[in-house]
């Protein structure tokens, strides 16, 4: 399969990871539970 080379798999995995992170942040923001206080200790 021509479209299933390593470059396209890497791009697809980066897109999937970013979609998962974006959806999780959106759900957290929509419920009002986002807390960035722990990031100050890093």
N, C-alpha and C. Protein backbone atom coordinates (compact mmCIF):
# COMPACT_ATOMS: atom_id res chain seq x y z
N UNK A 1 0.84 -1.18 0.00
CA UNK A 1 0.00 0.00 0.00
C UNK A 1 0.88 1.24 0.00
N UNK A 2 0.62 2.08 -0.94
CA UNK A 2 1.45 3.27 -1.10
C UNK A 2 1.25 4.28 0.02
N UNK A 3 0.04 4.43 0.51
CA UNK A 3 -0.25 5.46 1.50
C UNK A 3 0.13 5.03 2.92
N UNK A 4 0.55 3.79 3.08
CA UNK A 4 0.84 3.26 4.41
C UNK A 4 2.35 3.22 4.68
N UNK A 5 3.06 4.22 4.19
CA UNK A 5 4.50 4.26 4.45
C UNK A 5 4.75 4.90 5.82
N UNK A 6 5.97 4.82 6.33
CA UNK A 6 6.25 5.33 7.69
C UNK A 6 5.96 6.81 7.89
N UNK A 7 6.15 7.61 6.85
CA UNK A 7 5.87 9.04 6.99
C UNK A 7 4.39 9.29 7.27
N UNK A 8 3.53 8.65 6.51
CA UNK A 8 2.10 8.85 6.70
C UNK A 8 1.62 8.27 8.03
N UNK A 9 2.21 7.17 8.45
CA UNK A 9 1.85 6.63 9.76
C UNK A 9 2.26 7.57 10.88
N UNK A 10 3.42 8.21 10.75
CA UNK A 10 3.86 9.15 11.78
C UNK A 10 2.96 10.38 11.82
N UNK A 11 2.60 10.90 10.65
CA UNK A 11 1.71 12.06 10.61
C UNK A 11 0.35 11.70 11.18
N UNK A 12 -0.16 10.53 10.83
CA UNK A 12 -1.47 10.11 11.34
C UNK A 12 -1.44 9.92 12.86
N UNK A 13 -0.34 9.38 13.38
CA UNK A 13 -0.27 9.19 14.83
C UNK A 13 -0.15 10.53 15.55
N UNK A 14 0.60 11.49 15.00
CA UNK A 14 0.66 12.82 15.60
C UNK A 14 -0.70 13.50 15.59
N UNK A 15 -1.44 13.36 14.49
CA UNK A 15 -2.78 13.95 14.41
C UNK A 15 -3.70 13.30 15.44
N UNK A 16 -3.63 11.99 15.56
CA UNK A 16 -4.50 11.29 16.51
C UNK A 16 -4.18 11.68 17.95
N UNK A 17 -2.90 11.80 18.27
CA UNK A 17 -2.52 12.21 19.63
C UNK A 17 -3.01 13.62 19.91
N UNK A 18 -2.86 14.53 18.94
CA UNK A 18 -3.31 15.90 19.15
C UNK A 18 -4.82 15.99 19.26
N UNK A 19 -5.55 15.16 18.52
CA UNK A 19 -7.01 15.15 18.62
C UNK A 19 -7.43 14.67 20.01
N UNK A 20 -6.78 13.63 20.51
CA UNK A 20 -7.11 13.12 21.84
C UNK A 20 -6.83 14.17 22.91
N UNK A 21 -5.67 14.85 22.80
CA UNK A 21 -5.35 15.89 23.77
C UNK A 21 -6.32 17.06 23.67
N UNK A 22 -6.69 17.45 22.45
CA UNK A 22 -7.62 18.56 22.28
C UNK A 22 -8.99 18.25 22.83
N UNK A 23 -9.47 17.05 22.60
CA UNK A 23 -10.79 16.67 23.12
C UNK A 23 -10.76 16.61 24.65
N UNK A 24 -9.68 16.10 25.22
CA UNK A 24 -9.63 16.02 26.68
C UNK A 24 -9.57 17.41 27.31
N UNK A 25 -8.84 18.34 26.70
CA UNK A 25 -8.80 19.70 27.23
C UNK A 25 -10.15 20.38 27.05
N UNK A 26 -10.82 20.12 25.92
CA UNK A 26 -12.15 20.72 25.70
C UNK A 26 -13.15 20.22 26.73
N UNK A 27 -13.12 18.93 27.02
CA UNK A 27 -14.05 18.38 28.02
C UNK A 27 -13.76 18.97 29.39
N UNK A 28 -12.48 19.12 29.72
CA UNK A 28 -12.12 19.69 31.01
C UNK A 28 -12.54 21.15 31.11
N UNK A 29 -12.37 21.90 30.04
CA UNK A 29 -12.77 23.31 30.05
C UNK A 29 -14.29 23.46 30.10
N UNK A 30 -15.01 22.61 29.38
CA UNK A 30 -16.46 22.76 29.33
C UNK A 30 -17.11 22.41 30.67
N UNK A 31 -16.46 21.57 31.46
CA UNK A 31 -17.02 21.27 32.78
C UNK A 31 -16.52 22.22 33.85
N UNK A 32 -15.57 23.08 33.52
CA UNK A 32 -15.06 24.05 34.47
C UNK A 32 -14.08 23.47 35.47
N UNK A 33 -13.45 22.38 35.15
CA UNK A 33 -12.57 21.70 36.09
C UNK A 33 -11.09 21.90 35.79
N UNK A 34 -10.74 22.78 34.85
CA UNK A 34 -9.34 22.97 34.48
C UNK A 34 -8.61 23.71 35.58
N UNK A 35 -7.53 23.14 36.05
CA UNK A 35 -6.70 23.76 37.07
C UNK A 35 -5.25 23.74 36.60
N UNK A 36 -4.66 24.91 36.48
CA UNK A 36 -3.27 25.01 36.06
C UNK A 36 -2.35 25.26 37.25
N UNK A 37 -2.85 25.08 38.45
CA UNK A 37 -2.05 25.33 39.64
C UNK A 37 -0.88 24.36 39.78
N UNK A 38 -1.07 23.11 39.37
CA UNK A 38 0.01 22.13 39.49
C UNK A 38 1.15 22.42 38.53
N UNK A 39 0.89 23.12 37.45
CA UNK A 39 1.95 23.43 36.50
C UNK A 39 2.94 24.42 37.08
N UNK A 40 2.54 25.18 38.08
CA UNK A 40 3.44 26.13 38.72
C UNK A 40 4.53 25.45 39.53
N UNK A 41 4.33 24.22 39.92
CA UNK A 41 5.32 23.50 40.72
C UNK A 41 6.32 22.74 39.86
N UNK A 42 6.13 22.73 38.57
CA UNK A 42 7.04 21.99 37.68
C UNK A 42 8.24 22.82 37.32
